[in-house]
């Protein structure tokens, strides 16, 4: 099932805000001893060895762990490689032709048949990615960071916010509100409105007389 641009952007912003840990083989999962043990048994090799997973457990216990493609699992609904994410995109192209205000996937690799890294372009000039075991989750500018291709997957729903999505269109509307109780006495509502308030919460205390 596809997710809206707003949902996906909020998800990636939360990864960055909560300092998600790059963990090889993880699909945005809580880092625990059992998870690291499972990942070592499944993906362990000379690079991602027992020491690697032990150190990542110490670094990120209780936080979210994911590698670059694993970070997409909660929003895409499937687990695959960066190469396959690129292959599954219904629209793709070189990075210079990317619609700059459209949130989508961006990729690195020596060619379109040798994609080795994926990130999420936020539609506002920045990319959030699980960069590496050293750097973990990074938010940086699209330009000057080696991104070569972009792709638009079927699981991003652009209909709720429009095909083009700028950072301002993803900002939730806000309103000012005043909390009023009997302790304020008589309220001059014209002054309240002129101060920019457009809502009020009224506290009413019921008192039973016996």
Protein backbone atom coordinates (compact mmCIF):
# COMPACT_ATOMS: atom_id res chain seq x y z
CA UNK A 1 0.00 0.00 0.00
CA UNK A 2 1.42 3.39 -0.97
CA UNK A 3 2.10 6.13 1.56
CA UNK A 4 1.75 9.88 1.14
CA UNK A 5 4.71 12.17 0.64
CA UNK A 6 3.92 13.75 4.01
CA UNK A 7 4.06 10.39 5.81
CA UNK A 8 7.32 9.36 4.17
CA UNK A 9 8.96 12.72 4.78
CA UNK A 10 7.94 12.61 8.44
CA UNK A 11 9.37 9.10 8.74
CA UNK A 12 12.77 10.08 7.33
CA UNK A 13 12.89 13.26 9.40
CA UNK A 14 12.27 11.11 12.49
CA UNK A 15 15.17 8.82 11.53
CA UNK A 16 17.42 11.85 11.34
CA UNK A 17 16.07 13.55 14.46
CA UNK A 18 16.37 10.38 16.54
CA UNK A 19 19.90 9.66 15.28
CA UNK A 20 19.24 6.29 13.67
CA UNK A 21 22.25 3.99 13.47
CA UNK A 22 23.61 2.48 10.26
CA UNK A 23 23.40 -1.27 10.84
CA UNK A 24 24.14 -3.63 7.99
CA UNK A 25 21.16 -5.86 7.21
CA UNK A 26 18.65 -4.09 9.49
CA UNK A 27 15.27 -2.85 8.23
CA UNK A 28 14.65 0.12 10.55
CA UNK A 29 14.42 -2.10 13.63
CA UNK A 30 15.11 -1.47 17.31
CA UNK A 31 18.71 -2.47 18.02
CA UNK A 32 18.84 -5.29 20.55
CA UNK A 33 21.34 -8.08 21.34
CA UNK A 34 19.07 -10.63 19.64
CA UNK A 35 18.77 -8.49 16.48
CA UNK A 36 22.55 -8.04 16.20
CA UNK A 37 23.08 -11.76 16.76
CA UNK A 38 20.53 -12.59 14.05
CA UNK A 39 22.08 -10.12 11.59
CA UNK A 40 25.57 -11.49 12.23
CA UNK A 41 24.40 -15.04 11.59
CA UNK A 42 22.64 -13.96 8.39
CA UNK A 43 25.01 -11.37 6.90
CA UNK A 44 28.28 -11.78 8.78
CA UNK A 45 31.45 -11.68 6.67
CA UNK A 46 35.00 -10.34 6.88
CA UNK A 47 33.72 -6.73 6.85
CA UNK A 48 30.56 -7.12 8.91
CA UNK A 49 32.01 -9.49 11.48
CA UNK A 50 31.17 -10.24 15.11
CA UNK A 51 33.17 -7.24 16.32
CA UNK A 52 31.24 -4.97 13.95
CA UNK A 53 27.86 -6.08 15.31
CA UNK A 54 29.08 -5.97 18.93
CA UNK A 55 30.27 -2.39 18.45
CA UNK A 56 27.04 -1.35 16.76
CA UNK A 57 25.09 -2.85 19.65
CA UNK A 58 27.08 -0.73 22.10
CA UNK A 59 26.64 2.38 19.95
CA UNK A 60 22.94 2.06 19.25
CA UNK A 61 21.23 -0.14 21.83
CA UNK A 62 17.55 0.83 21.91
CA UNK A 63 17.73 3.05 18.83
CA UNK A 64 16.61 2.39 15.25
CA UNK A 65 19.08 0.50 13.07
CA UNK A 66 19.03 0.27 9.26
CA UNK A 67 21.27 0.18 6.24
CA UNK A 68 20.51 2.39 3.22
CA UNK A 69 17.92 0.17 1.56
CA UNK A 70 16.65 -1.23 4.87
CA UNK A 71 15.61 2.29 5.86
CA UNK A 72 13.00 2.17 3.08
CA UNK A 73 11.30 -1.00 4.32
CA UNK A 74 8.71 0.68 6.64
CA UNK A 75 7.48 2.94 3.83
CA UNK A 76 7.92 0.70 0.78
CA UNK A 77 6.62 -2.45 2.43
CA UNK A 78 9.31 -4.71 0.99
CA UNK A 79 12.98 -5.58 1.56
CA UNK A 80 15.31 -5.35 -1.42
CA UNK A 81 18.62 -3.84 -2.52
CA UNK A 82 19.39 -0.31 -3.67
CA UNK A 83 19.74 -1.71 -7.21
CA UNK A 84 16.29 -3.27 -7.12
CA UNK A 85 14.71 -0.12 -5.69
CA UNK A 86 16.10 1.74 -8.70
CA UNK A 87 14.92 -0.96 -11.12
CA UNK A 88 11.38 -0.87 -9.69
CA UNK A 89 11.00 2.92 -10.17
CA UNK A 90 8.52 3.73 -12.94
CA UNK A 91 10.23 7.02 -13.73
CA UNK A 92 13.97 7.58 -13.47
CA UNK A 93 16.77 9.69 -14.88
CA UNK A 94 20.07 11.41 -14.31
CA UNK A 95 20.26 13.63 -11.26
CA UNK A 96 20.45 16.84 -13.29
CA UNK A 97 16.94 16.16 -14.64
CA UNK A 98 15.40 15.54 -11.19
CA UNK A 99 12.29 17.70 -10.54
CA UNK A 100 13.76 19.76 -7.70
CA UNK A 101 10.51 20.15 -5.77
CA UNK A 102 9.48 16.50 -5.97
CA UNK A 103 10.25 14.10 -3.15
CA UNK A 104 11.66 10.83 -4.50
CA UNK A 105 14.56 8.37 -4.29
CA UNK A 106 18.13 9.22 -5.25
CA UNK A 107 20.93 6.79 -6.03
CA UNK A 108 24.68 6.31 -6.26
CA UNK A 109 26.70 3.76 -8.23
CA UNK A 110 29.14 3.40 -11.09
CA UNK A 111 26.28 2.82 -13.58
CA UNK A 112 22.53 2.23 -13.63
CA UNK A 113 23.25 -1.51 -13.50
CA UNK A 114 25.63 -1.11 -10.55
CA UNK A 115 23.59 0.93 -8.05
CA UNK A 116 25.01 0.55 -4.54
CA UNK A 117 23.35 3.25 -2.43
CA UNK A 118 19.95 4.90 -2.03
CA UNK A 119 18.65 7.93 -0.13
CA UNK A 120 15.42 9.89 0.17
CA UNK A 121 15.28 13.29 -1.52
CA UNK A 122 12.96 15.53 0.53
CA UNK A 123 11.92 17.80 -2.34
CA UNK A 124 13.57 20.83 -0.74
CA UNK A 125 17.22 20.50 -1.76
CA UNK A 126 18.16 18.01 0.96
CA UNK A 127 18.61 14.24 1.16
CA UNK A 128 18.24 12.03 4.23
CA UNK A 129 20.20 8.79 4.03
CA UNK A 130 21.68 6.00 6.10
CA UNK A 131 25.10 6.99 4.83
CA UNK A 132 27.59 4.53 6.31
CA UNK A 133 28.59 2.62 9.43
CA UNK A 134 30.80 5.56 10.34
CA UNK A 135 28.39 8.43 9.63
CA UNK A 136 25.03 6.78 10.39
CA UNK A 137 21.94 8.86 9.46
CA UNK A 138 22.82 12.05 7.61
CA UNK A 139 20.84 14.98 6.24
CA UNK A 140 22.77 16.97 3.63
CA UNK A 141 22.33 18.93 0.42
CA UNK A 142 21.54 17.08 -2.78
CA UNK A 143 24.19 18.97 -4.71
CA UNK A 144 27.84 18.09 -4.32
CA UNK A 145 27.36 14.75 -2.58
CA UNK A 146 27.72 12.27 -5.41
CA UNK A 147 24.08 11.49 -6.22
CA UNK A 148 23.87 10.33 -9.83
CA UNK A 149 20.29 9.22 -10.53
CA UNK A 150 16.77 9.71 -9.25
CA UNK A 151 13.78 7.40 -9.31
CA UNK A 152 10.05 7.69 -8.60
CA UNK A 153 8.59 4.50 -7.08
CA UNK A 154 4.99 3.31 -7.20
CA UNK A 155 4.64 3.31 -3.39
CA UNK A 156 4.83 7.10 -3.01
CA UNK A 157 1.34 8.60 -3.24
CA UNK A 158 1.56 12.16 -4.56
CA UNK A 159 -2.18 12.70 -4.85
CA UNK A 160 -2.83 14.06 -1.35
CA UNK A 161 -0.32 16.88 -1.59
CA UNK A 162 -0.05 17.24 -5.36
CA UNK A 163 2.64 15.94 -7.69
CA UNK A 164 5.02 18.75 -6.79
CA UNK A 165 5.88 18.91 -3.11
CA UNK A 166 7.80 21.77 -1.56
CA UNK A 167 8.85 21.99 2.07
CA UNK A 168 6.14 24.57 2.73
CA UNK A 169 3.40 22.30 1.39
CA UNK A 170 4.42 19.67 3.93
CA UNK A 171 4.14 22.00 6.89
CA UNK A 172 1.06 21.37 9.00
CA UNK A 173 -1.19 24.42 9.41
CA UNK A 174 -1.11 26.02 12.85
CA UNK A 175 -3.61 28.09 14.81
CA UNK A 176 -3.39 30.16 18.00
CA UNK A 177 -5.62 29.24 20.90
CA UNK A 178 -6.41 30.76 24.30
CA UNK A 179 -7.31 28.76 27.42
CA UNK A 180 -9.99 30.53 29.46
CA UNK A 181 -11.50 29.75 32.85
CA UNK A 182 -13.67 31.68 35.32
CA UNK A 183 -10.53 33.10 36.93
CA UNK A 184 -10.06 35.42 33.93
CA UNK A 185 -13.38 37.17 34.66
CA UNK A 186 -15.06 38.94 31.75
CA UNK A 187 -13.07 38.39 28.54
CA UNK A 188 -12.84 41.09 25.86
CA UNK A 189 -13.16 38.78 22.85
CA UNK A 190 -12.46 41.56 20.35
CA UNK A 191 -9.04 42.09 21.93
CA UNK A 192 -8.44 38.35 21.94
CA UNK A 193 -9.19 38.16 18.22
CA UNK A 194 -7.03 41.20 17.41
CA UNK A 195 -4.14 39.49 19.21
CA UNK A 196 -4.25 36.74 16.59
CA UNK A 197 -6.18 34.11 18.51
CA UNK A 198 -8.75 32.19 16.47
CA UNK A 199 -9.79 29.49 18.93
CA UNK A 200 -10.60 29.27 22.63
CA UNK A 201 -10.78 26.47 25.17
CA UNK A 202 -13.32 27.15 27.91
CA UNK A 203 -13.01 25.40 31.25
CA UNK A 204 -16.34 24.83 32.96
CA UNK A 205 -16.48 23.44 36.49
CA UNK A 206 -19.74 21.87 37.53
CA UNK A 207 -20.66 22.27 41.18
CA UNK A 208 -23.51 20.28 42.65
CA UNK A 209 -25.50 22.10 45.31
CA UNK A 210 -26.80 20.01 48.18
